[in-house]
Amino acid sequence: MSGKYISSQQESIYMKERNSGETLADILESDLLPLLRKERVLLGLTLWEYFDDNYPEEYAYGLLRTLQRCVANYKLEHGPSKDVIFRQLFPAGIQGMSDFTYPDTKITITGVKFKYIIYQFVLTHSHHKYAQIIQ
């Protein structure tokens, strides 16, 4: 009932029932963490189904969100690291990139080896390119 407070006696009965028996933390340590260590791709829903199969009617479906948080925390601490991506912005007219290439193609002119490099300039926003052969 909304608007009514529980008495201290009701609170103590509730807490006694809540603290009696095996706690969720015990089951997480004994059952679920070995499963997560073995198969790191398991989801909270899969683990809740494991609970439902092995401990029928002991744990409500409301436990699902708790399991999902536990799995997410476990994967953060023990899972593979994620790639870090730094997005780059190239505003128009601000930046260009310049590079030299040393190609392996051998060119001869009238039997004489032509030594050259290729210079390339790219506008980063539009990707317009300019290239020139330099002797």
N, C-alpha and C. Protein backbone atom coordinates (compact mmCIF):
# COMPACT_ATOMS: atom_id res chain seq x y z
N MET A 1 0.84 -1.19 0.00
CA MET A 1 0.00 0.00 0.00
C MET A 1 0.88 1.24 0.00
N SER A 2 0.56 2.14 -0.85
CA SER A 2 1.37 3.35 -0.89
C SER A 2 1.01 4.27 0.26
N GLY A 3 1.99 4.98 0.77
CA GLY A 3 1.76 5.93 1.84
C GLY A 3 1.86 5.35 3.24
N LYS A 4 2.00 4.00 3.35
CA LYS A 4 2.11 3.41 4.67
C LYS A 4 3.53 2.92 4.87
N TYR A 5 4.08 3.18 6.04
CA TYR A 5 5.42 2.76 6.39
C TYR A 5 5.38 1.36 6.98
N ILE A 6 6.49 0.62 6.80
CA ILE A 6 6.57 -0.68 7.45
C ILE A 6 7.09 -0.50 8.86
N SER A 7 6.66 -1.38 9.74
CA SER A 7 7.09 -1.27 11.13
C SER A 7 8.49 -1.85 11.29
N SER A 8 9.12 -1.56 12.40
CA SER A 8 10.46 -2.10 12.65
C SER A 8 10.41 -3.62 12.77
N GLN A 9 9.30 -4.16 13.25
CA GLN A 9 9.15 -5.62 13.35
C GLN A 9 9.08 -6.22 11.94
N GLN A 10 8.32 -5.61 11.04
CA GLN A 10 8.24 -6.08 9.66
C GLN A 10 9.60 -6.00 8.97
N GLU A 11 10.32 -4.93 9.26
CA GLU A 11 11.66 -4.76 8.68
C GLU A 11 12.60 -5.86 9.15
N SER A 12 12.56 -6.17 10.45
CA SER A 12 13.46 -7.21 10.97
C SER A 12 13.11 -8.58 10.41
N ILE A 13 11.83 -8.87 10.23
CA ILE A 13 11.42 -10.14 9.61
C ILE A 13 11.91 -10.21 8.17
N TYR A 14 11.75 -9.11 7.45
CA TYR A 14 12.20 -9.06 6.06
C TYR A 14 13.71 -9.25 5.96
N MET A 15 14.46 -8.57 6.80
CA MET A 15 15.92 -8.66 6.75
C MET A 15 16.40 -10.05 7.16
N LYS A 16 15.70 -10.66 8.12
CA LYS A 16 16.07 -12.02 8.54
C LYS A 16 15.87 -13.01 7.39
N GLU A 17 14.74 -12.88 6.70
CA GLU A 17 14.47 -13.74 5.55
C GLU A 17 15.47 -13.48 4.42
N ARG A 18 15.76 -12.22 4.22
CA ARG A 18 16.68 -11.84 3.14
C ARG A 18 18.09 -12.37 3.38
N ASN A 19 18.55 -12.32 4.60
CA ASN A 19 19.90 -12.73 4.93
C ASN A 19 20.05 -14.21 5.20
N SER A 20 18.95 -14.94 5.27
CA SER A 20 19.05 -16.38 5.54
C SER A 20 19.36 -17.14 4.26
N GLY A 21 20.05 -18.23 4.41
CA GLY A 21 20.32 -19.11 3.26
C GLY A 21 21.45 -18.59 2.39
N GLU A 22 21.52 -19.16 1.20
CA GLU A 22 22.60 -18.84 0.26
C GLU A 22 22.29 -17.52 -0.43
N THR A 23 23.25 -16.65 -0.50
CA THR A 23 23.05 -15.34 -1.11
C THR A 23 23.39 -15.40 -2.59
N LEU A 24 22.99 -14.40 -3.30
CA LEU A 24 23.30 -14.31 -4.74
C LEU A 24 24.80 -14.26 -4.97
N ALA A 25 25.53 -13.59 -4.06
CA ALA A 25 26.99 -13.50 -4.22
C ALA A 25 27.63 -14.87 -4.14
N ASP A 26 27.11 -15.75 -3.25
CA ASP A 26 27.65 -17.10 -3.15
C ASP A 26 27.44 -17.87 -4.45
N ILE A 27 26.27 -17.75 -5.03
CA ILE A 27 25.98 -18.46 -6.27
C ILE A 27 26.79 -17.88 -7.43
N LEU A 28 26.98 -16.58 -7.42
CA LEU A 28 27.82 -15.98 -8.47
C LEU A 28 29.23 -16.55 -8.42
N GLU A 29 29.78 -16.65 -7.21
CA GLU A 29 31.14 -17.18 -7.06
C GLU A 29 31.21 -18.65 -7.44
N SER A 30 30.25 -19.45 -6.95
CA SER A 30 30.34 -20.90 -7.13
C SER A 30 29.91 -21.37 -8.51
N ASP A 31 28.90 -20.74 -9.09
CA ASP A 31 28.34 -21.26 -10.34
C ASP A 31 28.65 -20.39 -11.56
N LEU A 32 28.39 -19.10 -11.43
CA LEU A 32 28.40 -18.26 -12.63
C LEU A 32 29.79 -17.81 -13.06
N LEU A 33 30.66 -17.46 -12.12
CA LEU A 33 32.00 -17.01 -12.52
C LEU A 33 32.79 -18.09 -13.27
N PRO A 34 32.71 -19.37 -12.84
CA PRO A 34 33.38 -20.39 -13.67
C PRO A 34 32.82 -20.47 -15.09
N LEU A 35 31.51 -20.28 -15.22
CA LEU A 35 30.92 -20.28 -16.57
C LEU A 35 31.43 -19.11 -17.39
N LEU A 36 31.51 -17.93 -16.76
CA LEU A 36 32.01 -16.74 -17.47
C LEU A 36 33.48 -16.87 -17.84
N ARG A 37 34.26 -17.49 -16.96
CA ARG A 37 35.67 -17.69 -17.28
C ARG A 37 35.85 -18.64 -18.45
N LYS A 38 34.96 -19.63 -18.53
CA LYS A 38 35.05 -20.63 -19.60
C LYS A 38 34.54 -20.06 -20.92
N GLU A 39 33.39 -19.38 -20.89
CA GLU A 39 32.77 -18.81 -22.08
C GLU A 39 32.53 -17.32 -21.85
N ARG A 40 33.42 -16.49 -22.34
CA ARG A 40 33.34 -15.05 -22.08
C ARG A 40 32.24 -14.35 -22.88
N VAL A 41 31.60 -15.04 -23.80
CA VAL A 41 30.57 -14.41 -24.62
C VAL A 41 29.18 -14.58 -24.03
N LEU A 42 29.06 -15.22 -22.86
CA LEU A 42 27.76 -15.42 -22.24
C LEU A 42 27.11 -14.08 -21.90
N LEU A 43 25.78 -14.06 -21.98
CA LEU A 43 25.00 -12.86 -21.67
C LEU A 43 24.25 -13.07 -20.37
N GLY A 44 23.75 -11.99 -19.80
CA GLY A 44 22.98 -12.07 -18.58
C GLY A 44 21.74 -12.94 -18.72
N LEU A 45 21.07 -12.87 -19.89
CA LEU A 45 19.88 -13.68 -20.12
C LEU A 45 20.22 -15.17 -20.10
N THR A 46 21.34 -15.54 -20.69
CA THR A 46 21.77 -16.94 -20.69
C THR A 46 22.03 -17.41 -19.26
N LEU A 47 22.64 -16.57 -18.45
CA LEU A 47 22.92 -16.94 -17.07
C LEU A 47 21.64 -17.02 -16.25
N TRP A 48 20.68 -16.15 -16.53
CA TRP A 48 19.40 -16.24 -15.83
C TRP A 48 18.70 -17.54 -16.18
N GLU A 49 18.77 -17.96 -17.45
CA GLU A 49 18.19 -19.24 -17.85
C GLU A 49 18.88 -20.39 -17.13
N TYR A 50 20.18 -20.26 -16.91
CA TYR A 50 20.92 -21.26 -16.13
C TYR A 50 20.37 -21.32 -14.70
N PHE A 51 20.14 -20.14 -14.10
CA PHE A 51 19.53 -20.09 -12.77
C PHE A 51 18.17 -20.77 -12.78
N ASP A 52 17.36 -20.43 -13.77
CA ASP A 52 16.00 -20.96 -13.85
C ASP A 52 15.99 -22.48 -14.00
N ASP A 53 16.97 -23.01 -14.75
CA ASP A 53 17.04 -24.47 -14.93
C ASP A 53 17.55 -25.17 -13.67
N ASN A 54 18.57 -24.60 -13.02
CA ASN A 54 19.21 -25.27 -11.89
C ASN A 54 18.60 -24.93 -10.52
N TYR A 55 17.95 -23.80 -10.42
CA TYR A 55 17.31 -23.39 -9.17
C TYR A 55 15.88 -22.95 -9.47
N PRO A 56 15.00 -23.87 -9.84
CA PRO A 56 13.65 -23.49 -10.27
C PRO A 56 12.87 -22.78 -9.16
N GLU A 57 12.25 -21.70 -9.54
CA GLU A 57 11.37 -20.90 -8.68
C GLU A 57 12.06 -20.30 -7.46
N GLU A 58 13.38 -20.31 -7.42
CA GLU A 58 14.10 -19.67 -6.31
C GLU A 58 14.44 -18.22 -6.64
N TYR A 59 14.63 -17.92 -7.92
CA TYR A 59 15.05 -16.58 -8.33
C TYR A 59 14.08 -16.05 -9.36
N ALA A 60 13.62 -14.84 -9.13
CA ALA A 60 12.63 -14.23 -10.01
C ALA A 60 13.28 -13.70 -11.29
N TYR A 61 12.45 -13.43 -12.28
CA TYR A 61 12.93 -12.87 -13.55
C TYR A 61 13.53 -11.47 -13.33
N GLY A 62 13.15 -10.81 -12.25
CA GLY A 62 13.70 -9.50 -11.91
C GLY A 62 15.20 -9.54 -11.65
N LEU A 63 15.75 -10.73 -11.47
CA LEU A 63 17.18 -10.91 -11.27
C LEU A 63 17.98 -10.66 -12.55
N LEU A 64 17.30 -10.68 -13.68
CA LEU A 64 17.97 -10.55 -14.98
C LEU A 64 18.83 -9.30 -15.07
N ARG A 65 18.30 -8.16 -14.67
CA ARG A 65 19.06 -6.91 -14.77
C ARG A 65 20.31 -6.96 -13.90
N THR A 66 20.21 -7.56 -12.72
CA THR A 66 21.37 -7.71 -11.84
C THR A 66 22.43 -8.56 -12.51
N LEU A 67 22.01 -9.66 -13.12
CA LEU A 67 22.96 -10.53 -13.82
C LEU A 67 23.62 -9.81 -14.98
N GLN A 68 22.84 -9.00 -15.70
CA GLN A 68 23.41 -8.25 -16.83
C GLN A 68 24.47 -7.27 -16.33
N ARG A 69 24.23 -6.62 -15.19
CA ARG A 69 25.24 -5.72 -14.62
C ARG A 69 26.48 -6.49 -14.18
N CYS A 70 26.28 -7.66 -13.56
CA CYS A 70 27.42 -8.47 -13.12
C CYS A 70 28.26 -8.91 -14.31
N VAL A 71 27.62 -9.33 -15.39
CA VAL A 71 28.35 -9.76 -16.59
C VAL A 71 29.10 -8.58 -17.20
N ALA A 72 28.46 -7.42 -17.26
CA ALA A 72 29.12 -6.23 -17.82
C ALA A 72 30.33 -5.85 -16.98
N ASN A 73 30.20 -5.87 -15.66
CA ASN A 73 31.33 -5.55 -14.78
C ASN A 73 32.45 -6.57 -14.92
N TYR A 74 32.09 -7.85 -15.02
CA TYR A 74 33.11 -8.89 -15.18
C TYR A 74 33.87 -8.69 -16.49
N LYS A 75 33.13 -8.39 -17.57
CA LYS A 75 33.79 -8.19 -18.87
C LYS A 75 34.66 -6.95 -18.88
N LEU A 76 34.26 -5.92 -18.12
CA LEU A 76 35.11 -4.73 -18.02
C LEU A 76 36.43 -5.03 -17.33
N GLU A 77 36.36 -5.84 -16.28
CA GLU A 77 37.56 -6.14 -15.51
C GLU A 77 38.43 -7.23 -16.15
N HIS A 78 37.79 -8.25 -16.73
CA HIS A 78 38.53 -9.42 -17.19
C HIS A 78 38.45 -9.67 -18.68
N GLY A 79 37.66 -8.90 -19.39
CA GLY A 79 37.48 -9.12 -20.82
C GLY A 79 38.61 -8.50 -21.63
N PRO A 80 38.57 -8.71 -22.94
CA PRO A 80 39.61 -8.13 -23.79
C PRO A 80 39.47 -6.61 -23.85
N SER A 81 40.59 -5.94 -24.04
CA SER A 81 40.54 -4.48 -24.13
C SER A 81 39.94 -4.07 -25.47
N LYS A 82 39.30 -2.94 -25.48
CA LYS A 82 38.67 -2.44 -26.69
C LYS A 82 39.60 -1.45 -27.38
N ASP A 83 39.46 -1.37 -28.70
CA ASP A 83 40.27 -0.43 -29.47
C ASP A 83 39.82 1.00 -29.17
N VAL A 84 40.77 1.89 -29.09
CA VAL A 84 40.47 3.30 -28.88
C VAL A 84 40.58 4.00 -30.22
N ILE A 85 39.56 4.74 -30.57
CA ILE A 85 39.53 5.43 -31.86
C ILE A 85 39.42 6.92 -31.61
N PHE A 86 40.33 7.67 -32.18
CA PHE A 86 40.27 9.12 -32.11
C PHE A 86 39.82 9.63 -33.47
N ARG A 87 38.62 10.10 -33.54
CA ARG A 87 38.07 10.60 -34.79
C ARG A 87 38.81 11.88 -35.18
N GLN A 88 39.06 12.03 -36.49
CA GLN A 88 39.76 13.21 -36.98
C GLN A 88 38.81 14.03 -37.84
N LEU A 89 38.83 15.31 -37.65
CA LEU A 89 38.01 16.23 -38.43
C LEU A 89 38.92 17.00 -39.38
N PHE A 90 38.49 17.14 -40.61
CA PHE A 90 39.26 17.87 -41.61
C PHE A 90 38.39 18.98 -42.19
N PRO A 91 38.36 20.15 -41.57
CA PRO A 91 37.57 21.26 -42.11
C PRO A 91 38.11 21.71 -43.46
N ALA A 92 37.22 22.19 -44.31
CA ALA A 92 37.60 22.62 -45.66
C ALA A 92 38.58 23.79 -45.61
N GLY A 93 39.63 23.72 -46.45
CA GLY A 93 40.58 24.80 -46.60
C GLY A 93 41.58 24.97 -45.48
N ILE A 94 41.64 24.06 -44.56
CA ILE A 94 42.52 24.21 -43.40
C ILE A 94 43.79 23.36 -43.51
N GLN A 95 43.66 22.14 -44.00
CA GLN A 95 44.78 21.21 -43.89
C GLN A 95 45.02 20.44 -45.18
N GLY A 96 46.29 20.18 -45.45
CA GLY A 96 46.70 19.32 -46.55
C GLY A 96 47.82 18.41 -46.07
N MET A 97 48.04 17.32 -46.77
CA MET A 97 49.11 16.39 -46.40
C MET A 97 50.06 16.25 -47.57
N SER A 98 51.33 16.12 -47.24
CA SER A 98 52.37 16.06 -48.24
C SER A 98 53.21 14.81 -47.98
N ASP A 99 53.63 14.12 -49.07
CA ASP A 99 54.39 12.90 -48.90
C ASP A 99 55.27 12.67 -50.12
N PHE A 100 56.37 11.94 -49.91
CA PHE A 100 57.25 11.52 -51.00
C PHE A 100 57.23 10.00 -51.08
N THR A 101 57.21 9.49 -52.29
CA THR A 101 57.22 8.05 -52.53
C THR A 101 58.47 7.69 -53.32
N TYR A 102 59.11 6.60 -52.94
CA TYR A 102 60.30 6.11 -53.62
C TYR A 102 59.93 4.80 -54.32
N PRO A 103 59.42 4.87 -55.56
CA PRO A 103 58.92 3.67 -56.24
C PRO A 103 60.06 2.73 -56.64
N ASP A 104 59.70 1.44 -56.78
CA ASP A 104 60.66 0.41 -57.18
C ASP A 104 60.73 0.24 -58.70
N THR A 105 59.86 0.87 -59.43
CA THR A 105 59.84 0.73 -60.89
C THR A 105 61.10 1.35 -61.49
N LYS A 106 61.80 0.55 -62.30
CA LYS A 106 63.03 1.05 -62.93
C LYS A 106 62.68 1.64 -64.30
N ILE A 107 63.10 2.88 -64.49
CA ILE A 107 62.87 3.57 -65.76
C ILE A 107 64.22 3.94 -66.35
N THR A 108 64.36 3.67 -67.65
CA THR A 108 65.59 4.07 -68.35
C THR A 108 65.22 4.97 -69.51
N ILE A 109 66.06 5.97 -69.73
CA ILE A 109 65.89 6.88 -70.87
C ILE A 109 67.18 6.79 -71.68
N THR A 110 67.05 6.35 -72.89
CA THR A 110 68.18 6.10 -73.80
C THR A 110 69.26 5.25 -73.12
N GLY A 111 68.78 4.23 -72.39
CA GLY A 111 69.69 3.29 -71.75
C GLY A 111 70.26 3.75 -70.42
N VAL A 112 69.94 4.97 -69.98
CA VAL A 112 70.45 5.51 -68.71
C VAL A 112 69.34 5.42 -67.67
N LYS A 113 69.69 4.91 -66.49
CA LYS A 113 68.70 4.76 -65.42
C LYS A 113 68.23 6.14 -64.94
N PHE A 114 66.91 6.30 -64.88
CA PHE A 114 66.30 7.55 -64.45
C PHE A 114 66.00 7.44 -62.96
N LYS A 115 66.68 8.25 -62.14
CA LYS A 115 66.45 8.24 -60.70
C LYS A 115 65.40 9.32 -60.38
N TYR A 116 64.35 8.88 -59.68
CA TYR A 116 63.26 9.82 -59.43
C TYR A 116 62.53 9.44 -58.14
N ILE A 117 61.76 10.40 -57.64
CA ILE A 117 60.81 10.18 -56.56
C ILE A 117 59.50 10.85 -56.98
N ILE A 118 58.44 10.49 -56.30
CA ILE A 118 57.14 11.09 -56.61
C ILE A 118 56.70 11.89 -55.39
N TYR A 119 56.38 13.16 -55.66
CA TYR A 119 55.84 14.03 -54.61
C TYR A 119 54.33 14.05 -54.75
N GLN A 120 53.62 13.93 -53.62
CA GLN A 120 52.16 13.94 -53.65
C GLN A 120 51.63 14.88 -52.58
N PHE A 121 50.62 15.67 -52.95
CA PHE A 121 49.95 16.57 -52.01
C PHE A 121 48.46 16.29 -52.08
N VAL A 122 47.80 16.17 -50.90
CA VAL A 122 46.36 15.86 -50.84
C VAL A 122 45.68 16.86 -49.93
N LEU A 123 44.56 17.42 -50.41
CA LEU A 123 43.71 18.25 -49.55
C LEU A 123 42.86 17.29 -48.71
N THR A 124 42.96 17.39 -47.38
CA THR A 124 42.34 16.38 -46.53
C THR A 124 40.82 16.41 -46.54
N HIS A 125 40.22 17.55 -46.78
CA HIS A 125 38.75 17.62 -46.78
C HIS A 125 38.17 17.07 -48.07
N SER A 126 38.68 17.52 -49.21
CA SER A 126 38.09 17.15 -50.50
C SER A 126 38.78 15.95 -51.15
N HIS A 127 39.95 15.58 -50.67
CA HIS A 127 40.76 14.49 -51.23
C HIS A 127 41.26 14.78 -52.64
N HIS A 128 41.31 16.05 -53.03
CA HIS A 128 41.92 16.41 -54.32
C HIS A 128 43.42 16.17 -54.20
N LYS A 129 43.99 15.57 -55.25
CA LYS A 129 45.40 15.19 -55.20
C LYS A 129 46.19 15.86 -56.29
N TYR A 130 47.46 16.07 -55.97
CA TYR A 130 48.41 16.58 -56.94
C TYR A 130 49.68 15.73 -56.80
N ALA A 131 50.20 15.25 -57.90
CA ALA A 131 51.43 14.46 -57.86
C ALA A 131 52.38 14.98 -58.93
N GLN A 132 53.69 14.90 -58.63
CA GLN A 132 54.71 15.36 -59.56
C GLN A 132 55.95 14.47 -59.43
N ILE A 133 56.53 14.13 -60.57
CA ILE A 133 57.75 13.36 -60.57
C ILE A 133 58.92 14.32 -60.40
N ILE A 134 59.81 14.00 -59.48
CA ILE A 134 60.96 14.85 -59.20
C ILE A 134 62.23 14.03 -59.45
N GLN A 135 63.13 14.65 -60.23
CA GLN A 135 64.39 13.96 -60.55
C GLN A 135 65.40 14.15 -59.44
